[in-house]
């Protein structure tokens, strides 16, 4: 009997998920607005609070809702950010496997290696100006490790924006989120910050000189050295 009730609850939740998903995608529920209160959803669909919460959890996993403790869920219109965010729980599980972090970081090297090559060949004047400004901000922050970390991310983020492909900035946000547990605990010393700044400078100079080979070499060397620092901090089994 209990199993039958659970099956019925699951089917009811699936119906609610489909209906709410359609309302989000059609714009009836606007991006950034709270989902109607649980009480109203219970009345609208004739369901229990448990079924509402099951449906909300499913929509959150799909990236269509942003669930917040003690607050109504926020509607998120489907987009590349939502699509990549929907993978977050699976990726975090994979990162706990031996070699999981290294596998993810290797994909970042591949992606950014291609991005700096493209930047060296196709970056526009405004792209170069933005990279230069980010590099200067990075240099100013060398003695402030928290600010340096922020400007470090900002410099790399620009590489994902240069191709004008909306998938890529969403991918950068995902890398930052997925790798944050390791990167946020890295020792942050001015000497290490300076070394990272100088690596960014070499990447920028190669892009400025329109040399894709030098840009990729500088980027790969930078990230491989960053990985060595991670291994020195946490060991090799990542």
C-alpha atoms as a PDB file:
ATOM      1  CA  UNK A   1       0.000   0.000   0.000  1.00  0.00           C
ATOM      2  CA  UNK A   2       2.829   2.377   0.937  1.00  0.00           C
ATOM      3  CA  UNK A   3       4.598   1.579  -2.333  1.00  0.00           C
ATOM      4  CA  UNK A   4       1.410   2.344  -4.266  1.00  0.00           C
ATOM      5  CA  UNK A   5       1.083   5.712  -2.500  1.00  0.00           C
ATOM      6  CA  UNK A   6       4.698   6.517  -3.328  1.00  0.00           C
ATOM      7  CA  UNK A   7       4.106   5.685  -6.997  1.00  0.00           C
ATOM      8  CA  UNK A   8       1.047   7.902  -7.087  1.00  0.00           C
ATOM      9  CA  UNK A   9       2.932  10.727  -5.400  1.00  0.00           C
ATOM     10  CA  UNK A  10       5.715  10.342  -7.970  1.00  0.00           C
ATOM     11  CA  UNK A  11       3.263  10.521 -10.876  1.00  0.00           C
ATOM     12  CA  UNK A  12       1.583  13.565  -9.324  1.00  0.00           C
ATOM     13  CA  UNK A  13       4.944  15.272  -8.914  1.00  0.00           C
ATOM     14  CA  UNK A  14       5.791  14.522 -12.554  1.00  0.00           C
ATOM     15  CA  UNK A  15       2.544  16.191 -13.646  1.00  0.00           C
ATOM     16  CA  UNK A  16       3.321  19.272 -11.564  1.00  0.00           C
ATOM     17  CA  UNK A  17       6.883  19.408 -12.909  1.00  0.00           C
ATOM     18  CA  UNK A  18       5.613  19.359 -16.509  1.00  0.00           C
ATOM     19  CA  UNK A  19       3.051  22.067 -15.841  1.00  0.00           C
ATOM     20  CA  UNK A  20       5.408  24.373 -13.964  1.00  0.00           C
ATOM     21  CA  UNK A  21       8.140  23.806 -16.534  1.00  0.00           C
ATOM     22  CA  UNK A  22       5.775  24.903 -19.322  1.00  0.00           C
ATOM     23  CA  UNK A  23       4.835  28.025 -17.381  1.00  0.00           C
ATOM     24  CA  UNK A  24       8.501  28.908 -16.842  1.00  0.00           C
ATOM     25  CA  UNK A  25       9.437  28.342 -20.471  1.00  0.00           C
ATOM     26  CA  UNK A  26       6.441  30.303 -21.768  1.00  0.00           C
ATOM     27  CA  UNK A  27       7.255  33.250 -19.512  1.00  0.00           C
ATOM     28  CA  UNK A  28       4.068  32.977 -17.464  1.00  0.00           C
ATOM     29  CA  UNK A  29       6.408  32.663 -14.504  1.00  0.00           C
ATOM     30  CA  UNK A  30       9.046  35.333 -15.139  1.00  0.00           C
ATOM     31  CA  UNK A  31      12.753  34.796 -14.689  1.00  0.00           C
ATOM     32  CA  UNK A  32      13.890  36.000 -11.263  1.00  0.00           C
ATOM     33  CA  UNK A  33      10.432  35.980  -9.651  1.00  0.00           C
ATOM     34  CA  UNK A  34       9.426  33.737  -6.725  1.00  0.00           C
ATOM     35  CA  UNK A  35       7.407  30.611  -7.392  1.00  0.00           C
ATOM     36  CA  UNK A  36       3.830  30.843  -6.016  1.00  0.00           C
ATOM     37  CA  UNK A  37       3.575  29.810  -2.332  1.00  0.00           C
ATOM     38  CA  UNK A  38       3.263  26.105  -1.516  1.00  0.00           C
ATOM     39  CA  UNK A  39      -0.318  26.618  -0.312  1.00  0.00           C
ATOM     40  CA  UNK A  40      -1.438  28.006  -3.681  1.00  0.00           C
ATOM     41  CA  UNK A  41       0.294  25.218  -5.602  1.00  0.00           C
ATOM     42  CA  UNK A  42      -1.361  22.625  -3.357  1.00  0.00           C
ATOM     43  CA  UNK A  43      -4.757  24.171  -4.095  1.00  0.00           C
ATOM     44  CA  UNK A  44      -4.111  24.575  -7.847  1.00  0.00           C
ATOM     45  CA  UNK A  45      -3.015  20.974  -8.408  1.00  0.00           C
ATOM     46  CA  UNK A  46      -4.907  19.283  -5.566  1.00  0.00           C
ATOM     47  CA  UNK A  47      -1.732  17.812  -4.121  1.00  0.00           C
ATOM     48  CA  UNK A  48       0.029  17.516  -0.775  1.00  0.00           C
ATOM     49  CA  UNK A  49       2.907  19.662   0.472  1.00  0.00           C
ATOM     50  CA  UNK A  50       5.198  16.637   0.061  1.00  0.00           C
ATOM     51  CA  UNK A  51       4.381  16.409  -3.656  1.00  0.00           C
ATOM     52  CA  UNK A  52       4.964  20.148  -4.108  1.00  0.00           C
ATOM     53  CA  UNK A  53       8.378  19.866  -2.515  1.00  0.00           C
ATOM     54  CA  UNK A  54       9.260  16.837  -4.624  1.00  0.00           C
ATOM     55  CA  UNK A  55       8.354  18.794  -7.764  1.00  0.00           C
ATOM     56  CA  UNK A  56      10.377  21.813  -6.620  1.00  0.00           C
ATOM     57  CA  UNK A  57      13.389  19.588  -5.971  1.00  0.00           C
ATOM     58  CA  UNK A  58      13.097  18.097  -9.479  1.00  0.00           C
ATOM     59  CA  UNK A  59      12.835  21.538 -11.118  1.00  0.00           C
ATOM     60  CA  UNK A  60      15.823  22.751  -9.092  1.00  0.00           C
ATOM     61  CA  UNK A  61      17.907  19.851 -10.406  1.00  0.00           C
ATOM     62  CA  UNK A  62      16.901  20.877 -13.931  1.00  0.00           C
ATOM     63  CA  UNK A  63      18.092  24.419 -13.259  1.00  0.00           C
ATOM     64  CA  UNK A  64      14.603  25.894 -13.641  1.00  0.00           C
ATOM     65  CA  UNK A  65      14.310  26.920  -9.992  1.00  0.00           C
ATOM     66  CA  UNK A  66      16.818  28.271  -7.523  1.00  0.00           C
ATOM     67  CA  UNK A  67      15.870  26.762  -4.169  1.00  0.00           C
ATOM     68  CA  UNK A  68      16.864  28.785  -1.111  1.00  0.00           C
ATOM     69  CA  UNK A  69      16.475  27.755   2.551  1.00  0.00           C
ATOM     70  CA  UNK A  70      13.512  29.473   4.246  1.00  0.00           C
ATOM     71  CA  UNK A  71      12.623  31.365   1.047  1.00  0.00           C
ATOM     72  CA  UNK A  72      10.323  30.665  -1.879  1.00  0.00           C
ATOM     73  CA  UNK A  73      12.165  29.163  -4.872  1.00  0.00           C
ATOM     74  CA  UNK A  74      13.177  31.639  -7.574  1.00  0.00           C
ATOM     75  CA  UNK A  75      12.270  31.002 -11.210  1.00  0.00           C
ATOM     76  CA  UNK A  76      15.218  30.640 -13.585  1.00  0.00           C
ATOM     77  CA  UNK A  77      14.419  30.758 -17.284  1.00  0.00           C
ATOM     78  CA  UNK A  78      16.176  27.994 -19.250  1.00  0.00           C
ATOM     79  CA  UNK A  79      19.573  29.047 -20.527  1.00  0.00           C
ATOM     80  CA  UNK A  80      23.133  27.802 -20.761  1.00  0.00           C
ATOM     81  CA  UNK A  81      23.795  28.704 -17.109  1.00  0.00           C
ATOM     82  CA  UNK A  82      20.796  26.644 -16.053  1.00  0.00           C
ATOM     83  CA  UNK A  83      21.752  23.721 -18.284  1.00  0.00           C
ATOM     84  CA  UNK A  84      25.269  23.537 -16.884  1.00  0.00           C
ATOM     85  CA  UNK A  85      24.100  24.176 -13.330  1.00  0.00           C
ATOM     86  CA  UNK A  86      21.784  21.190 -13.642  1.00  0.00           C
ATOM     87  CA  UNK A  87      24.886  18.967 -13.879  1.00  0.00           C
ATOM     88  CA  UNK A  88      26.306  20.303 -10.621  1.00  0.00           C
ATOM     89  CA  UNK A  89      25.236  17.500  -8.301  1.00  0.00           C
ATOM     90  CA  UNK A  90      26.549  14.836 -10.694  1.00  0.00           C
ATOM     91  CA  UNK A  91      29.845  16.666 -11.194  1.00  0.00           C
ATOM     92  CA  UNK A  92      30.363  17.095  -7.444  1.00  0.00           C
ATOM     93  CA  UNK A  93      29.850  13.348  -7.052  1.00  0.00           C
ATOM     94  CA  UNK A  94      32.419  12.629  -9.772  1.00  0.00           C
ATOM     95  CA  UNK A  95      34.903  15.045  -8.193  1.00  0.00           C
ATOM     96  CA  UNK A  96      34.931  12.871  -5.091  1.00  0.00           C
ATOM     97  CA  UNK A  97      36.312   9.969  -7.130  1.00  0.00           C
ATOM     98  CA  UNK A  98      40.053   9.458  -7.316  1.00  0.00           C
ATOM     99  CA  UNK A  99      41.380  11.562 -10.185  1.00  0.00           C
ATOM    100  CA  UNK A 100      38.083  13.410 -10.552  1.00  0.00           C
ATOM    101  CA  UNK A 101      39.446  16.901  -9.937  1.00  0.00           C
ATOM    102  CA  UNK A 102      42.416  16.259 -12.241  1.00  0.00           C
ATOM    103  CA  UNK A 103      40.132  15.067 -15.028  1.00  0.00           C
ATOM    104  CA  UNK A 104      38.031  18.217 -14.754  1.00  0.00           C
ATOM    105  CA  UNK A 105      41.076  20.467 -14.588  1.00  0.00           C
ATOM    106  CA  UNK A 106      42.538  18.795 -17.682  1.00  0.00           C
ATOM    107  CA  UNK A 107      39.393  19.733 -19.612  1.00  0.00           C
ATOM    108  CA  UNK A 108      39.870  23.325 -18.474  1.00  0.00           C
ATOM    109  CA  UNK A 109      43.410  23.305 -19.872  1.00  0.00           C
ATOM    110  CA  UNK A 110      42.130  21.977 -23.198  1.00  0.00           C
ATOM    111  CA  UNK A 111      39.366  24.586 -23.385  1.00  0.00           C
ATOM    112  CA  UNK A 112      41.496  27.550 -22.373  1.00  0.00           C
ATOM    113  CA  UNK A 113      44.334  26.424 -24.635  1.00  0.00           C
ATOM    114  CA  UNK A 114      41.926  26.654 -27.568  1.00  0.00           C
ATOM    115  CA  UNK A 115      40.517  29.956 -26.315  1.00  0.00           C
ATOM    116  CA  UNK A 116      43.878  31.729 -26.113  1.00  0.00           C
ATOM    117  CA  UNK A 117      44.740  30.524 -29.597  1.00  0.00           C
ATOM    118  CA  UNK A 118      41.491  31.988 -30.868  1.00  0.00           C
ATOM    119  CA  UNK A 119      42.090  35.189 -28.895  1.00  0.00           C
ATOM    120  CA  UNK A 120      45.535  35.596 -30.468  1.00  0.00           C
ATOM    121  CA  UNK A 121      44.001  35.251 -33.908  1.00  0.00           C
ATOM    122  CA  UNK A 122      40.669  37.038 -33.535  1.00  0.00           C
ATOM    123  CA  UNK A 123      40.585  39.281 -30.444  1.00  0.00           C
ATOM    124  CA  UNK A 124      39.232  42.729 -31.257  1.00  0.00           C
ATOM    125  CA  UNK A 125      40.509  46.040 -29.942  1.00  0.00           C
ATOM    126  CA  UNK A 126      37.921  46.112 -27.181  1.00  0.00           C
ATOM    127  CA  UNK A 127      38.882  42.571 -26.175  1.00  0.00           C
ATOM    128  CA  UNK A 128      42.538  43.562 -25.924  1.00  0.00           C
ATOM    129  CA  UNK A 129      41.595  46.634 -23.897  1.00  0.00           C
ATOM    130  CA  UNK A 130      39.497  44.526 -21.516  1.00  0.00           C
ATOM    131  CA  UNK A 131      42.309  42.004 -21.070  1.00  0.00           C
ATOM    132  CA  UNK A 132      44.788  44.808 -20.414  1.00  0.00           C
ATOM    133  CA  UNK A 133      42.517  46.359 -17.782  1.00  0.00           C
ATOM    134  CA  UNK A 134      42.016  42.972 -16.110  1.00  0.00           C
ATOM    135  CA  UNK A 135      45.767  42.371 -16.120  1.00  0.00           C
ATOM    136  CA  UNK A 136      46.418  45.766 -14.530  1.00  0.00           C
ATOM    137  CA  UNK A 137      43.819  45.062 -11.830  1.00  0.00           C
ATOM    138  CA  UNK A 138      45.494  41.710 -11.232  1.00  0.00           C
ATOM    139  CA  UNK A 139      48.868  43.392 -10.766  1.00  0.00           C
ATOM    140  CA  UNK A 140      47.500  45.977  -8.328  1.00  0.00           C
ATOM    141  CA  UNK A 141      46.030  43.154  -6.207  1.00  0.00           C
ATOM    142  CA  UNK A 142      49.245  41.150  -5.768  1.00  0.00           C
ATOM    143  CA  UNK A 143      49.559  42.032  -2.078  1.00  0.00           C
ATOM    144  CA  UNK A 144      45.859  41.413  -1.374  1.00  0.00           C
ATOM    145  CA  UNK A 145      45.309  37.701  -1.863  1.00  0.00           C
ATOM    146  CA  UNK A 146      41.509  37.805  -1.691  1.00  0.00           C
ATOM    147  CA  UNK A 147      41.344  40.545  -4.320  1.00  0.00           C
ATOM    148  CA  UNK A 148      44.026  38.814  -6.364  1.00  0.00           C
ATOM    149  CA  UNK A 149      41.935  35.645  -6.483  1.00  0.00           C
ATOM    150  CA  UNK A 150      38.953  37.675  -7.735  1.00  0.00           C
ATOM    151  CA  UNK A 151      40.985  39.450 -10.428  1.00  0.00           C
ATOM    152  CA  UNK A 152      42.615  36.152 -11.407  1.00  0.00           C
ATOM    153  CA  UNK A 153      39.169  34.704 -12.131  1.00  0.00           C
ATOM    154  CA  UNK A 154      38.172  37.881 -13.966  1.00  0.00           C
ATOM    155  CA  UNK A 155      41.200  37.667 -16.277  1.00  0.00           C
ATOM    156  CA  UNK A 156      40.461  34.061 -17.221  1.00  0.00           C
ATOM    157  CA  UNK A 157      36.738  34.823 -17.598  1.00  0.00           C
ATOM    158  CA  UNK A 158      37.525  37.268 -20.418  1.00  0.00           C
ATOM    159  CA  UNK A 159      39.081  34.469 -22.452  1.00  0.00           C
ATOM    160  CA  UNK A 160      35.673  32.757 -22.447  1.00  0.00           C
ATOM    161  CA  UNK A 161      33.903  35.921 -23.589  1.00  0.00           C
ATOM    162  CA  UNK A 162      36.058  36.779 -26.611  1.00  0.00           C
ATOM    163  CA  UNK A 163      34.433  34.212 -28.990  1.00  0.00           C
ATOM    164  CA  UNK A 164      30.952  35.710 -28.307  1.00  0.00           C
ATOM    165  CA  UNK A 165      29.581  32.224 -27.705  1.00  0.00           C
ATOM    166  CA  UNK A 166      27.112  32.225 -24.774  1.00  0.00           C
ATOM    167  CA  UNK A 167      27.981  28.636 -23.843  1.00  0.00           C
ATOM    168  CA  UNK A 168      31.534  29.579 -22.906  1.00  0.00           C
ATOM    169  CA  UNK A 169      30.954  32.122 -20.094  1.00  0.00           C
ATOM    170  CA  UNK A 170      28.525  29.640 -18.535  1.00  0.00           C
ATOM    171  CA  UNK A 171      31.250  27.003 -18.744  1.00  0.00           C
ATOM    172  CA  UNK A 172      33.726  29.313 -17.005  1.00  0.00           C
ATOM    173  CA  UNK A 173      31.266  29.904 -14.161  1.00  0.00           C
ATOM    174  CA  UNK A 174      30.888  26.146 -13.850  1.00  0.00           C
ATOM    175  CA  UNK A 175      34.653  25.590 -13.654  1.00  0.00           C
ATOM    176  CA  UNK A 176      34.930  28.254 -10.944  1.00  0.00           C
ATOM    177  CA  UNK A 177      32.094  26.666  -8.959  1.00  0.00           C
ATOM    178  CA  UNK A 178      33.213  23.064  -9.380  1.00  0.00           C
ATOM    179  CA  UNK A 179      36.870  23.719  -8.577  1.00  0.00           C
ATOM    180  CA  UNK A 180      36.235  26.229  -5.769  1.00  0.00           C
ATOM    181  CA  UNK A 181      36.521  23.675  -2.904  1.00  0.00           C
ATOM    182  CA  UNK A 182      40.186  23.125  -3.809  1.00  0.00           C
ATOM    183  CA  UNK A 183      41.130  26.561  -5.124  1.00  0.00           C
ATOM    184  CA  UNK A 184      39.578  28.495  -2.243  1.00  0.00           C
ATOM    185  CA  UNK A 185      41.770  26.611   0.244  1.00  0.00           C
ATOM    186  CA  UNK A 186      45.029  27.149  -1.623  1.00  0.00           C
ATOM    187  CA  UNK A 187      47.733  29.102   0.251  1.00  0.00           C
ATOM    188  CA  UNK A 188      47.712  32.653  -1.087  1.00  0.00           C
ATOM    189  CA  UNK A 189      51.064  34.360  -0.767  1.00  0.00           C
ATOM    190  CA  UNK A 190      52.261  37.534  -2.523  1.00  0.00           C
ATOM    191  CA  UNK A 191      55.148  35.614  -4.106  1.00  0.00           C
ATOM    192  CA  UNK A 192      52.756  33.077  -5.612  1.00  0.00           C
ATOM    193  CA  UNK A 193      50.388  35.856  -6.669  1.00  0.00           C
ATOM    194  CA  UNK A 194      53.253  37.593  -8.456  1.00  0.00           C
ATOM    195  CA  UNK A 195      54.185  34.402 -10.298  1.00  0.00           C
ATOM    196  CA  UNK A 196      50.569  34.003 -11.430  1.00  0.00           C
ATOM    197  CA  UNK A 197      50.416  37.630 -12.534  1.00  0.00           C
ATOM    198  CA  UNK A 198      53.589  37.191 -14.593  1.00  0.00           C
ATOM    199  CA  UNK A 199      52.031  34.118 -16.208  1.00  0.00           C
ATOM    200  CA  UNK A 200      48.948  36.163 -17.086  1.00  0.00           C
ATOM    201  CA  UNK A 201      51.243  38.832 -18.498  1.00  0.00           C
ATOM    202  CA  UNK A 202      52.929  36.302 -20.791  1.00  0.00           C
ATOM    203  CA  UNK A 203      49.537  35.095 -22.007  1.00  0.00           C
ATOM    204  CA  UNK A 204      48.435  38.665 -22.684  1.00  0.00           C
ATOM    205  CA  UNK A 205      51.669  39.552 -24.482  1.00  0.00           C
ATOM    206  CA  UNK A 206      51.317  36.534 -26.780  1.00  0.00           C
ATOM    207  CA  UNK A 207      47.718  37.479 -27.593  1.00  0.00           C
ATOM    208  CA  UNK A 208      48.785  41.068 -28.212  1.00  0.00           C
ATOM    209  CA  UNK A 209      51.535  39.861 -30.580  1.00  0.00           C
ATOM    210  CA  UNK A 210      49.023  37.653 -32.429  1.00  0.00           C
ATOM    211  CA  UNK A 211      51.079  34.521 -31.665  1.00  0.00           C
ATOM    212  CA  UNK A 212      48.682  31.609 -31.007  1.00  0.00           C
ATOM    213  CA  UNK A 213      51.474  29.085 -30.363  1.00  0.00           C
ATOM    214  CA  UNK A 214      53.097  31.275 -27.720  1.00  0.00           C
ATOM    215  CA  UNK A 215      49.710  32.045 -26.184  1.00  0.00           C
ATOM    216  CA  UNK A 216      48.821  28.373 -25.834  1.00  0.00           C
ATOM    217  CA  UNK A 217      52.267  27.510 -24.459  1.00  0.00           C
ATOM    218  CA  UNK A 218      52.024  30.299 -21.873  1.00  0.00           C
ATOM    219  CA  UNK A 219      48.512  29.241 -20.867  1.00  0.00           C
ATOM    220  CA  UNK A 220      49.383  25.550 -20.550  1.00  0.00           C
ATOM    221  CA  UNK A 221      52.537  26.307 -18.555  1.00  0.00           C
ATOM    222  CA  UNK A 222      50.539  28.571 -16.237  1.00  0.00           C
ATOM    223  CA  UNK A 223      47.792  26.034 -15.541  1.00  0.00           C
ATOM    224  CA  UNK A 224      50.198  23.094 -15.238  1.00  0.00           C
ATOM    225  CA  UNK A 225      52.165  25.047 -12.633  1.00  0.00           C
ATOM    226  CA  UNK A 226      48.883  25.856 -10.880  1.00  0.00           C
ATOM    227  CA  UNK A 227      48.087  22.152 -10.780  1.00  0.00           C
ATOM    228  CA  UNK A 228      51.499  21.426  -9.268  1.00  0.00           C
ATOM    229  CA  UNK A 229      50.648  23.867  -6.502  1.00  0.00           C
ATOM    230  CA  UNK A 230      47.359  22.055  -5.907  1.00  0.00           C
ATOM    231  CA  UNK A 231      49.159  18.713  -5.640  1.00  0.00           C
ATOM    232  CA  UNK A 232      51.691  20.157  -3.194  1.00  0.00           C
ATOM    233  CA  UNK A 233      48.779  21.300  -1.023  1.00  0.00           C
ATOM    234  CA  UNK A 234      46.368  18.362  -1.240  1.00  0.00           C
ATOM    235  CA  UNK A 235      48.441  15.472  -2.595  1.00  0.00           C
ATOM    236  CA  UNK A 236      48.229  13.687  -5.941  1.00  0.00           C
ATOM    237  CA  UNK A 237      45.005  11.724  -5.407  1.00  0.00           C
ATOM    238  CA  UNK A 238      42.608  14.392  -6.705  1.00  0.00           C
END
